[in-house]
Amino acid sequence: MYGQVSTPTPTPTPSRNGPSAAVITVRVLITALTVLTFGFFSWIAMLRIAIMRRGRRDWALFWGQLVLNIACLVTLEQSFADHWISDVGMAGLLVQMAAVTAYFLVVDIRHHQPAPIVLMAPPPPPPPYRPLGYVYGPDGAPVTTTPSGAPAPYICAAPVPAQPPTAPRIEQVRAELDELSDLLRGTDREDGK
């Protein structure tokens, strides 16, 4: 019932120093590239997130951002130079620059953050040994009961039921068994003489 408990194998703990210099360098370069090009290369930051996390949502965000980036760049064409459409396109690029930069930094920092060390509590001790057949109270101590007619208190497994009244059928069977045994004894005596 109480066998050995398997303990989980400890996993190697990540270093507490944080991200490496290479990770920080890539983070700074991608952020600078996004900001200095006014959002023109913001798709690179989203591509980095999609490759790093490999989630469907991240790939969908990358492709959606790439399409939006191309749509904003199309509005900056020479034919729309003195039109309000080029202003909307440039505003779209600037909004993308701010949003993608913030999103990239938050996701990249969280991704490279060392995992918190979770100390596992030892397994709880097994319950104390209690022999079967005893009744225990709420405090864990055995309950002593004294059924009617018992000379001293004793520990019992369950309340002792009162003896049921003997049924007339049982008395009849006993009487017939007694007669049968008397007959058999009488037959044995006659054979023995």
N, C-alpha and C. Protein backbone atom coordinates (compact mmCIF):
# COMPACT_ATOMS: atom_id res chain seq x y z
N MET A 1 0.82 -1.17 0.00
CA MET A 1 0.00 0.00 0.00
C MET A 1 0.87 1.25 0.00
N TYR A 2 1.88 1.26 0.86
CA TYR A 2 2.79 2.40 0.92
C TYR A 2 4.11 1.98 0.33
N GLY A 3 4.23 2.12 -0.98
CA GLY A 3 5.46 1.75 -1.67
C GLY A 3 6.37 2.95 -1.79
N GLN A 4 7.44 2.75 -2.51
CA GLN A 4 8.37 3.84 -2.71
C GLN A 4 7.75 4.86 -3.65
N VAL A 5 8.02 6.11 -3.36
CA VAL A 5 7.51 7.20 -4.19
C VAL A 5 8.64 7.64 -5.09
N SER A 6 8.38 7.68 -6.40
CA SER A 6 9.44 8.09 -7.32
C SER A 6 9.59 9.60 -7.25
N THR A 7 10.82 10.04 -7.16
CA THR A 7 11.08 11.47 -7.12
C THR A 7 11.45 11.92 -8.52
N PRO A 8 10.95 13.08 -8.93
CA PRO A 8 11.28 13.55 -10.28
C PRO A 8 12.77 13.88 -10.38
N THR A 9 13.31 13.63 -11.56
CA THR A 9 14.73 13.92 -11.75
C THR A 9 14.90 15.42 -11.88
N PRO A 10 15.90 15.98 -11.22
CA PRO A 10 16.09 17.42 -11.31
C PRO A 10 16.55 17.83 -12.70
N THR A 11 16.03 18.92 -13.17
CA THR A 11 16.43 19.43 -14.47
C THR A 11 17.55 20.43 -14.27
N PRO A 12 18.43 20.56 -15.24
CA PRO A 12 19.50 21.51 -15.07
C PRO A 12 18.94 22.93 -14.99
N THR A 13 19.44 23.68 -14.05
CA THR A 13 18.93 25.03 -13.86
C THR A 13 19.63 25.98 -14.81
N PRO A 14 18.87 26.89 -15.41
CA PRO A 14 19.49 27.85 -16.32
C PRO A 14 20.36 28.82 -15.53
N SER A 15 21.29 29.43 -16.23
CA SER A 15 22.18 30.36 -15.55
C SER A 15 21.39 31.58 -15.12
N ARG A 16 21.77 32.14 -14.03
CA ARG A 16 21.09 33.31 -13.49
C ARG A 16 21.64 34.60 -14.08
N ASN A 17 22.59 34.50 -14.97
CA ASN A 17 23.20 35.70 -15.53
C ASN A 17 22.31 36.37 -16.56
N GLY A 18 21.29 35.73 -17.04
CA GLY A 18 20.42 36.31 -18.04
C GLY A 18 20.86 35.91 -19.44
N PRO A 19 20.35 36.66 -20.44
CA PRO A 19 20.68 36.31 -21.83
C PRO A 19 22.16 36.57 -22.14
N SER A 20 22.64 35.86 -23.12
CA SER A 20 24.05 36.00 -23.50
C SER A 20 24.26 37.28 -24.30
N ALA A 21 25.52 37.59 -24.55
CA ALA A 21 25.86 38.80 -25.30
C ALA A 21 25.35 38.71 -26.74
N ALA A 22 25.37 37.51 -27.32
CA ALA A 22 24.88 37.34 -28.69
C ALA A 22 23.39 37.65 -28.78
N VAL A 23 22.62 37.20 -27.80
CA VAL A 23 21.17 37.45 -27.80
C VAL A 23 20.91 38.95 -27.69
N ILE A 24 21.64 39.62 -26.82
CA ILE A 24 21.45 41.06 -26.66
C ILE A 24 21.86 41.81 -27.93
N THR A 25 22.94 41.37 -28.56
CA THR A 25 23.39 42.01 -29.80
C THR A 25 22.34 41.89 -30.89
N VAL A 26 21.78 40.70 -31.06
CA VAL A 26 20.73 40.50 -32.08
C VAL A 26 19.51 41.35 -31.74
N ARG A 27 19.15 41.43 -30.48
CA ARG A 27 18.01 42.23 -30.06
C ARG A 27 18.22 43.71 -30.41
N VAL A 28 19.41 44.23 -30.12
CA VAL A 28 19.70 45.63 -30.39
C VAL A 28 19.73 45.89 -31.90
N LEU A 29 20.34 45.00 -32.67
CA LEU A 29 20.42 45.19 -34.12
C LEU A 29 19.05 45.20 -34.79
N ILE A 30 18.21 44.27 -34.41
CA ILE A 30 16.87 44.20 -35.02
C ILE A 30 16.04 45.42 -34.62
N THR A 31 16.14 45.82 -33.36
CA THR A 31 15.39 47.01 -32.92
C THR A 31 15.89 48.26 -33.65
N ALA A 32 17.20 48.40 -33.77
CA ALA A 32 17.76 49.56 -34.48
C ALA A 32 17.37 49.55 -35.95
N LEU A 33 17.39 48.38 -36.57
CA LEU A 33 17.03 48.26 -37.98
C LEU A 33 15.57 48.66 -38.19
N THR A 34 14.70 48.27 -37.28
CA THR A 34 13.29 48.62 -37.40
C THR A 34 13.07 50.11 -37.22
N VAL A 35 13.73 50.70 -36.23
CA VAL A 35 13.51 52.12 -35.93
C VAL A 35 14.18 53.01 -36.98
N LEU A 36 15.41 52.69 -37.35
CA LEU A 36 16.15 53.56 -38.27
C LEU A 36 15.59 53.55 -39.69
N THR A 37 14.87 52.50 -40.07
CA THR A 37 14.25 52.45 -41.40
C THR A 37 12.79 52.88 -41.35
N PHE A 38 12.36 53.47 -40.24
CA PHE A 38 10.98 53.94 -40.05
C PHE A 38 9.95 52.85 -40.36
N GLY A 39 10.24 51.61 -39.95
CA GLY A 39 9.29 50.51 -40.11
C GLY A 39 9.42 49.76 -41.41
N PHE A 40 10.32 50.18 -42.29
CA PHE A 40 10.45 49.50 -43.59
C PHE A 40 10.90 48.04 -43.39
N PHE A 41 11.80 47.80 -42.42
CA PHE A 41 12.26 46.43 -42.15
C PHE A 41 11.64 45.84 -40.87
N SER A 42 10.47 46.27 -40.52
CA SER A 42 9.82 45.74 -39.32
C SER A 42 9.44 44.27 -39.48
N TRP A 43 9.31 43.82 -40.69
CA TRP A 43 8.99 42.41 -40.93
C TRP A 43 10.12 41.49 -40.45
N ILE A 44 11.36 42.00 -40.37
CA ILE A 44 12.49 41.18 -39.89
C ILE A 44 12.29 40.83 -38.42
N ALA A 45 11.83 41.79 -37.64
CA ALA A 45 11.57 41.53 -36.22
C ALA A 45 10.48 40.46 -36.06
N MET A 46 9.43 40.58 -36.86
CA MET A 46 8.35 39.59 -36.76
C MET A 46 8.81 38.22 -37.24
N LEU A 47 9.68 38.20 -38.25
CA LEU A 47 10.23 36.92 -38.72
C LEU A 47 11.08 36.28 -37.63
N ARG A 48 11.85 37.08 -36.92
CA ARG A 48 12.68 36.55 -35.83
C ARG A 48 11.80 35.93 -34.74
N ILE A 49 10.72 36.58 -34.41
CA ILE A 49 9.80 36.03 -33.39
C ILE A 49 9.18 34.72 -33.88
N ALA A 50 8.75 34.70 -35.12
CA ALA A 50 8.10 33.49 -35.67
C ALA A 50 9.08 32.32 -35.70
N ILE A 51 10.33 32.58 -36.07
CA ILE A 51 11.32 31.50 -36.10
C ILE A 51 11.68 31.06 -34.68
N MET A 52 11.77 32.00 -33.78
CA MET A 52 12.17 31.72 -32.41
C MET A 52 11.10 30.92 -31.67
N ARG A 53 9.85 31.28 -31.79
CA ARG A 53 8.79 30.63 -31.01
C ARG A 53 8.08 29.53 -31.76
N ARG A 54 8.07 29.58 -33.08
CA ARG A 54 7.48 28.54 -33.94
C ARG A 54 6.01 28.25 -33.64
N GLY A 55 5.27 29.31 -33.41
CA GLY A 55 3.84 29.15 -33.15
C GLY A 55 3.02 29.60 -34.35
N ARG A 56 1.84 29.03 -34.49
CA ARG A 56 0.97 29.42 -35.62
C ARG A 56 0.59 30.89 -35.55
N ARG A 57 0.32 31.34 -34.35
CA ARG A 57 -0.07 32.74 -34.18
C ARG A 57 1.07 33.66 -34.60
N ASP A 58 2.30 33.30 -34.24
CA ASP A 58 3.45 34.13 -34.59
C ASP A 58 3.66 34.17 -36.10
N TRP A 59 3.47 33.03 -36.78
CA TRP A 59 3.60 33.02 -38.24
C TRP A 59 2.49 33.83 -38.89
N ALA A 60 1.28 33.73 -38.34
CA ALA A 60 0.17 34.52 -38.89
C ALA A 60 0.43 36.02 -38.70
N LEU A 61 0.97 36.40 -37.54
CA LEU A 61 1.30 37.81 -37.32
C LEU A 61 2.40 38.27 -38.28
N PHE A 62 3.38 37.41 -38.53
CA PHE A 62 4.45 37.77 -39.46
C PHE A 62 3.88 38.02 -40.85
N TRP A 63 3.08 37.09 -41.37
CA TRP A 63 2.55 37.25 -42.73
C TRP A 63 1.59 38.44 -42.81
N GLY A 64 0.78 38.64 -41.78
CA GLY A 64 -0.13 39.80 -41.78
C GLY A 64 0.63 41.11 -41.75
N GLN A 65 1.69 41.16 -40.97
CA GLN A 65 2.49 42.37 -40.88
C GLN A 65 3.25 42.62 -42.19
N LEU A 66 3.71 41.55 -42.83
CA LEU A 66 4.43 41.70 -44.10
C LEU A 66 3.50 42.25 -45.19
N VAL A 67 2.27 41.75 -45.24
CA VAL A 67 1.30 42.24 -46.22
C VAL A 67 0.97 43.71 -45.94
N LEU A 68 0.77 44.06 -44.66
CA LEU A 68 0.48 45.44 -44.30
C LEU A 68 1.67 46.36 -44.63
N ASN A 69 2.86 45.88 -44.41
CA ASN A 69 4.07 46.65 -44.72
C ASN A 69 4.16 46.92 -46.22
N ILE A 70 3.92 45.92 -47.02
CA ILE A 70 3.97 46.09 -48.48
C ILE A 70 2.87 47.05 -48.94
N ALA A 71 1.68 46.94 -48.34
CA ALA A 71 0.58 47.85 -48.71
C ALA A 71 0.94 49.29 -48.37
N CYS A 72 1.58 49.51 -47.24
CA CYS A 72 1.98 50.88 -46.88
C CYS A 72 3.08 51.40 -47.80
N LEU A 73 3.98 50.52 -48.23
CA LEU A 73 5.06 50.94 -49.12
C LEU A 73 4.53 51.29 -50.52
N VAL A 74 3.50 50.60 -50.94
CA VAL A 74 2.90 50.87 -52.26
C VAL A 74 2.32 52.29 -52.28
N THR A 75 1.76 52.74 -51.17
CA THR A 75 1.17 54.08 -51.13
C THR A 75 2.22 55.18 -51.16
N LEU A 76 3.48 54.84 -50.94
CA LEU A 76 4.56 55.84 -50.98
C LEU A 76 5.13 56.00 -52.38
N GLU A 77 4.50 55.41 -53.36
CA GLU A 77 4.94 55.48 -54.75
C GLU A 77 4.88 56.93 -55.26
N GLN A 78 5.64 57.22 -56.29
CA GLN A 78 5.74 58.59 -56.83
C GLN A 78 4.38 59.10 -57.33
N SER A 79 3.53 58.23 -57.82
CA SER A 79 2.25 58.68 -58.36
C SER A 79 1.33 59.21 -57.27
N PHE A 80 1.55 58.80 -56.01
CA PHE A 80 0.74 59.29 -54.89
C PHE A 80 1.49 60.35 -54.08
N ALA A 81 2.49 60.97 -54.65
CA ALA A 81 3.37 61.87 -53.90
C ALA A 81 2.62 63.03 -53.26
N ASP A 82 1.73 63.70 -53.95
CA ASP A 82 1.02 64.85 -53.39
C ASP A 82 -0.41 64.51 -53.03
N HIS A 83 -0.63 63.32 -52.61
CA HIS A 83 -1.99 62.88 -52.30
C HIS A 83 -2.03 62.45 -50.83
N TRP A 84 -3.22 62.42 -50.25
CA TRP A 84 -3.37 62.03 -48.85
C TRP A 84 -3.05 60.55 -48.63
N ILE A 85 -3.10 59.74 -49.68
CA ILE A 85 -2.82 58.31 -49.55
C ILE A 85 -1.37 58.08 -49.11
N SER A 86 -0.45 58.89 -49.59
CA SER A 86 0.95 58.72 -49.18
C SER A 86 1.13 59.08 -47.70
N ASP A 87 0.33 60.03 -47.21
CA ASP A 87 0.39 60.37 -45.79
C ASP A 87 -0.12 59.20 -44.93
N VAL A 88 -1.18 58.57 -45.40
CA VAL A 88 -1.71 57.40 -44.68
C VAL A 88 -0.70 56.26 -44.69
N GLY A 89 -0.04 56.05 -45.82
CA GLY A 89 0.97 54.99 -45.91
C GLY A 89 2.13 55.22 -44.98
N MET A 90 2.61 56.49 -44.91
CA MET A 90 3.73 56.79 -44.01
C MET A 90 3.31 56.68 -42.56
N ALA A 91 2.10 57.09 -42.24
CA ALA A 91 1.58 56.93 -40.87
C ALA A 91 1.48 55.45 -40.51
N GLY A 92 1.04 54.65 -41.48
CA GLY A 92 0.98 53.20 -41.25
C GLY A 92 2.35 52.61 -40.96
N LEU A 93 3.36 53.03 -41.68
CA LEU A 93 4.73 52.54 -41.44
C LEU A 93 5.23 52.95 -40.05
N LEU A 94 4.94 54.20 -39.66
CA LEU A 94 5.37 54.66 -38.33
C LEU A 94 4.66 53.92 -37.20
N VAL A 95 3.36 53.66 -37.39
CA VAL A 95 2.62 52.88 -36.38
C VAL A 95 3.16 51.46 -36.31
N GLN A 96 3.44 50.88 -37.47
CA GLN A 96 4.05 49.54 -37.48
C GLN A 96 5.39 49.54 -36.76
N MET A 97 6.19 50.57 -37.01
CA MET A 97 7.50 50.66 -36.38
C MET A 97 7.36 50.63 -34.86
N ALA A 98 6.48 51.44 -34.32
CA ALA A 98 6.31 51.50 -32.87
C ALA A 98 5.74 50.20 -32.31
N ALA A 99 4.69 49.69 -32.97
CA ALA A 99 4.03 48.48 -32.46
C ALA A 99 4.93 47.26 -32.55
N VAL A 100 5.59 47.08 -33.69
CA VAL A 100 6.45 45.91 -33.88
C VAL A 100 7.66 45.97 -32.95
N THR A 101 8.23 47.16 -32.78
CA THR A 101 9.38 47.30 -31.88
C THR A 101 8.98 46.93 -30.46
N ALA A 102 7.88 47.44 -29.97
CA ALA A 102 7.43 47.12 -28.60
C ALA A 102 7.12 45.63 -28.47
N TYR A 103 6.39 45.09 -29.43
CA TYR A 103 6.04 43.67 -29.38
C TYR A 103 7.29 42.80 -29.44
N PHE A 104 8.22 43.13 -30.31
CA PHE A 104 9.44 42.34 -30.44
C PHE A 104 10.24 42.35 -29.14
N LEU A 105 10.40 43.51 -28.54
CA LEU A 105 11.18 43.58 -27.31
C LEU A 105 10.53 42.80 -26.17
N VAL A 106 9.21 42.93 -26.04
CA VAL A 106 8.52 42.20 -24.97
C VAL A 106 8.64 40.69 -25.17
N VAL A 107 8.37 40.21 -26.38
CA VAL A 107 8.40 38.76 -26.64
C VAL A 107 9.83 38.23 -26.52
N ASP A 108 10.80 38.96 -27.06
CA ASP A 108 12.19 38.49 -27.03
C ASP A 108 12.73 38.45 -25.60
N ILE A 109 12.42 39.45 -24.82
CA ILE A 109 12.89 39.46 -23.42
C ILE A 109 12.24 38.33 -22.64
N ARG A 110 10.94 38.12 -22.82
CA ARG A 110 10.27 37.02 -22.10
C ARG A 110 10.78 35.65 -22.54
N HIS A 111 11.08 35.54 -23.84
CA HIS A 111 11.54 34.25 -24.35
C HIS A 111 12.92 33.88 -23.80
N HIS A 112 13.79 34.86 -23.67
CA HIS A 112 15.14 34.59 -23.21
C HIS A 112 15.33 34.78 -21.71
N GLN A 113 14.24 35.05 -21.01
CA GLN A 113 14.31 35.19 -19.56
C GLN A 113 14.51 33.82 -18.94
N PRO A 114 15.41 33.70 -17.96
CA PRO A 114 15.59 32.39 -17.35
C PRO A 114 14.30 31.94 -16.65
N ALA A 115 14.06 30.66 -16.74
CA ALA A 115 12.85 30.10 -16.12
C ALA A 115 12.98 30.20 -14.61
N PRO A 116 11.89 30.50 -13.93
CA PRO A 116 11.96 30.56 -12.47
C PRO A 116 12.24 29.18 -11.89
N ILE A 117 13.02 29.16 -10.86
CA ILE A 117 13.35 27.89 -10.22
C ILE A 117 12.21 27.55 -9.27
N VAL A 118 11.63 26.41 -9.50
CA VAL A 118 10.52 25.96 -8.68
C VAL A 118 11.05 24.89 -7.75
N LEU A 119 11.00 25.18 -6.48
CA LEU A 119 11.42 24.19 -5.51
C LEU A 119 10.26 23.24 -5.26
N MET A 120 10.53 21.98 -5.45
CA MET A 120 9.47 21.00 -5.26
C MET A 120 9.44 20.59 -3.79
N ALA A 121 8.27 20.57 -3.25
CA ALA A 121 8.11 20.15 -1.88
C ALA A 121 8.26 18.63 -1.82
N PRO A 122 8.83 18.14 -0.73
CA PRO A 122 8.94 16.69 -0.61
C PRO A 122 7.54 16.08 -0.52
N PRO A 123 7.41 14.84 -0.95
CA PRO A 123 6.09 14.22 -0.88
C PRO A 123 5.63 14.11 0.57
N PRO A 124 4.34 14.20 0.79
CA PRO A 124 3.86 14.12 2.17
C PRO A 124 4.14 12.75 2.75
N PRO A 125 4.38 12.69 4.06
CA PRO A 125 4.66 11.39 4.67
C PRO A 125 3.41 10.52 4.62
N PRO A 126 3.61 9.21 4.60
CA PRO A 126 2.42 8.34 4.60
C PRO A 126 1.69 8.48 5.92
N PRO A 127 0.41 8.19 5.91
CA PRO A 127 -0.34 8.29 7.16
C PRO A 127 0.20 7.28 8.16
N PRO A 128 0.05 7.57 9.45
CA PRO A 128 0.58 6.65 10.46
C PRO A 128 -0.08 5.28 10.36
N TYR A 129 0.67 4.27 10.76
CA TYR A 129 0.16 2.91 10.71
C TYR A 129 -0.95 2.75 11.73
N ARG A 130 -2.05 2.24 11.27
CA ARG A 130 -3.17 1.98 12.15
C ARG A 130 -3.66 0.58 11.86
N PRO A 131 -3.67 -0.27 12.84
CA PRO A 131 -4.15 -1.63 12.59
C PRO A 131 -5.59 -1.62 12.13
N LEU A 132 -5.89 -2.53 11.23
CA LEU A 132 -7.25 -2.62 10.72
C LEU A 132 -8.19 -3.14 11.79
N GLY A 133 -9.40 -2.73 11.73
CA GLY A 133 -10.40 -3.24 12.65
C GLY A 133 -10.64 -2.32 13.83
N TYR A 134 -9.97 -1.19 13.90
CA TYR A 134 -10.18 -0.27 14.99
C TYR A 134 -10.89 0.97 14.48
N VAL A 135 -11.60 1.62 15.37
CA VAL A 135 -12.31 2.84 15.03
C VAL A 135 -11.51 4.00 15.61
N TYR A 136 -11.29 5.02 14.78
CA TYR A 136 -10.51 6.18 15.21
C TYR A 136 -11.39 7.40 15.22
N GLY A 137 -11.16 8.26 16.20
CA GLY A 137 -11.89 9.50 16.33
C GLY A 137 -11.30 10.59 15.46
N PRO A 138 -11.86 11.79 15.50
CA PRO A 138 -11.36 12.88 14.65
C PRO A 138 -9.94 13.32 15.01
N ASP A 139 -9.54 13.08 16.26
CA ASP A 139 -8.18 13.47 16.65
C ASP A 139 -7.16 12.38 16.34
N GLY A 140 -7.57 11.27 15.79
CA GLY A 140 -6.66 10.19 15.43
C GLY A 140 -6.48 9.15 16.52
N ALA A 141 -7.07 9.36 17.68
CA ALA A 141 -6.94 8.40 18.78
C ALA A 141 -8.00 7.32 18.63
N PRO A 142 -7.66 6.07 19.06
CA PRO A 142 -8.66 5.01 18.98
C PRO A 142 -9.86 5.32 19.88
N VAL A 143 -11.04 4.94 19.44
CA VAL A 143 -12.26 5.17 20.20
C VAL A 143 -12.55 3.91 21.00
N THR A 144 -12.74 4.08 22.27
CA THR A 144 -13.09 2.93 23.11
C THR A 144 -14.59 2.94 23.31
N THR A 145 -15.15 1.78 23.17
CA THR A 145 -16.60 1.66 23.35
C THR A 145 -16.88 0.53 24.32
N THR A 146 -17.95 0.64 24.98
CA THR A 146 -18.37 -0.42 25.90
C THR A 146 -19.77 -0.85 25.52
N PRO A 147 -19.88 -2.00 24.85
CA PRO A 147 -21.23 -2.48 24.55
C PRO A 147 -21.91 -2.96 25.82
N SER A 148 -23.19 -3.03 25.76
CA SER A 148 -23.93 -3.43 26.96
C SER A 148 -23.55 -4.86 27.35
N GLY A 149 -23.28 -5.04 28.62
CA GLY A 149 -22.95 -6.37 29.12
C GLY A 149 -21.47 -6.69 29.08
N ALA A 150 -20.63 -5.84 28.54
CA ALA A 150 -19.20 -6.15 28.49
C ALA A 150 -18.57 -5.73 29.81
N PRO A 151 -17.67 -6.55 30.34
CA PRO A 151 -17.10 -6.23 31.66
C PRO A 151 -16.12 -5.05 31.62
N ALA A 152 -15.39 -4.86 30.52
CA ALA A 152 -14.38 -3.79 30.48
C ALA A 152 -14.42 -3.13 29.11
N PRO A 153 -13.97 -1.89 29.04
CA PRO A 153 -13.96 -1.25 27.71
C PRO A 153 -12.96 -1.93 26.78
N TYR A 154 -13.29 -1.97 25.54
CA TYR A 154 -12.40 -2.52 24.54
C TYR A 154 -12.55 -1.74 23.26
N ILE A 155 -11.61 -1.92 22.35
CA ILE A 155 -11.64 -1.21 21.08
C ILE A 155 -12.30 -2.10 20.06
N CYS A 156 -13.28 -1.55 19.37
CA CYS A 156 -13.99 -2.39 18.41
C CYS A 156 -13.95 -1.77 17.02
N ALA A 157 -14.20 -2.56 16.02
CA ALA A 157 -14.14 -2.10 14.64
C ALA A 157 -15.40 -1.34 14.25
N ALA A 158 -16.47 -1.69 14.80
CA ALA A 158 -17.73 -1.05 14.47
C ALA A 158 -18.64 -1.20 15.68
N PRO A 159 -19.67 -0.44 15.72
CA PRO A 159 -20.60 -0.64 16.85
C PRO A 159 -21.11 -2.07 16.85
N VAL A 160 -21.10 -2.65 18.02
CA VAL A 160 -21.54 -4.05 18.15
C VAL A 160 -23.06 -4.07 18.11
N PRO A 161 -23.61 -4.77 17.12
CA PRO A 161 -25.08 -4.81 17.06
C PRO A 161 -25.63 -5.72 18.16
N ALA A 162 -26.80 -5.39 18.59
CA ALA A 162 -27.46 -6.23 19.60
C ALA A 162 -27.79 -7.57 18.95
N GLN A 163 -27.76 -8.63 19.76
CA GLN A 163 -28.07 -9.95 19.23
C GLN A 163 -29.54 -9.97 18.80
N PRO A 164 -29.77 -10.36 17.57
CA PRO A 164 -31.17 -10.41 17.13
C PRO A 164 -31.89 -11.55 17.84
N PRO A 165 -33.16 -11.38 18.07
CA PRO A 165 -33.89 -12.47 18.72
C PRO A 165 -33.86 -13.71 17.81
N THR A 166 -33.69 -14.86 18.45
CA THR A 166 -33.62 -16.08 17.65
C THR A 166 -34.99 -16.36 17.06
N ALA A 167 -34.99 -16.67 15.84
CA ALA A 167 -36.24 -16.92 15.14
C ALA A 167 -36.76 -18.31 15.50
N PRO A 168 -38.06 -18.50 15.42
CA PRO A 168 -38.62 -19.81 15.76
C PRO A 168 -38.14 -20.89 14.80
N ARG A 169 -37.85 -20.56 13.61
CA ARG A 169 -37.38 -21.56 12.63
C ARG A 169 -36.03 -22.12 13.06
N ILE A 170 -35.13 -21.24 13.55
CA ILE A 170 -33.81 -21.71 13.99
C ILE A 170 -33.96 -22.67 15.17
N GLU A 171 -34.87 -22.33 16.09
CA GLU A 171 -35.10 -23.21 17.25
C GLU A 171 -35.63 -24.57 16.80
N GLN A 172 -36.47 -24.56 15.79
CA GLN A 172 -37.02 -25.81 15.28
C GLN A 172 -35.91 -26.66 14.66
N VAL A 173 -35.03 -26.03 13.89
CA VAL A 173 -33.94 -26.77 13.25
C VAL A 173 -33.02 -27.34 14.32
N ARG A 174 -32.72 -26.57 15.36
CA ARG A 174 -31.86 -27.07 16.44
C ARG A 174 -32.49 -28.31 17.11
N ALA A 175 -33.78 -28.21 17.34
CA ALA A 175 -34.46 -29.34 18.00
C ALA A 175 -34.40 -30.58 17.10
N GLU A 176 -34.59 -30.42 15.82
CA GLU A 176 -34.54 -31.58 14.92
C GLU A 176 -33.12 -32.16 14.84
N LEU A 177 -32.13 -31.28 14.84
CA LEU A 177 -30.74 -31.77 14.83
C LEU A 177 -30.42 -32.53 16.11
N ASP A 178 -30.93 -32.04 17.24
CA ASP A 178 -30.70 -32.75 18.51
C ASP A 178 -31.35 -34.14 18.47
N GLU A 179 -32.57 -34.23 17.94
CA GLU A 179 -33.23 -35.53 17.83
C GLU A 179 -32.45 -36.48 16.94
N LEU A 180 -31.98 -35.97 15.82
CA LEU A 180 -31.23 -36.79 14.89
C LEU A 180 -29.94 -37.29 15.53
N SER A 181 -29.26 -36.41 16.26
CA SER A 181 -28.02 -36.87 16.90
C SER A 181 -28.33 -37.90 17.98
N ASP A 182 -29.43 -37.75 18.72
CA ASP A 182 -29.81 -38.76 19.71
C ASP A 182 -30.11 -40.10 19.04
N LEU A 183 -30.80 -40.06 17.91
CA LEU A 183 -31.10 -41.30 17.20
C LEU A 183 -29.82 -41.98 16.73
N LEU A 184 -28.89 -41.19 16.20
CA LEU A 184 -27.64 -41.78 15.74
C LEU A 184 -26.83 -42.36 16.90
N ARG A 185 -26.84 -41.71 18.01
CA ARG A 185 -26.13 -42.25 19.17
C ARG A 185 -26.79 -43.54 19.66
N GLY A 186 -28.10 -43.55 19.59
CA GLY A 186 -28.80 -44.77 20.01
C GLY A 186 -28.50 -45.91 19.05
N THR A 187 -28.37 -45.70 17.79
CA THR A 187 -28.05 -46.72 16.82
C THR A 187 -26.64 -47.21 17.03
N ASP A 188 -25.72 -46.33 17.32
CA ASP A 188 -24.32 -46.70 17.56
C ASP A 188 -24.24 -47.59 18.82
N ARG A 189 -25.02 -47.30 19.85
CA ARG A 189 -24.95 -48.06 21.09
C ARG A 189 -25.47 -49.50 20.88
N GLU A 190 -26.52 -49.61 20.08
CA GLU A 190 -27.08 -50.93 19.85
C GLU A 190 -26.11 -51.78 19.05
N ASP A 191 -25.40 -51.15 18.07
CA ASP A 191 -24.44 -51.91 17.28
C ASP A 191 -23.25 -52.32 18.11
N GLY A 192 -22.92 -51.50 19.07
CA GLY A 192 -21.74 -51.77 19.90
C GLY A 192 -22.01 -52.86 20.94
N LYS A 193 -23.23 -53.24 21.29
CA LYS A 193 -23.52 -54.23 22.31
C LYS A 193 -23.44 -55.59 21.78
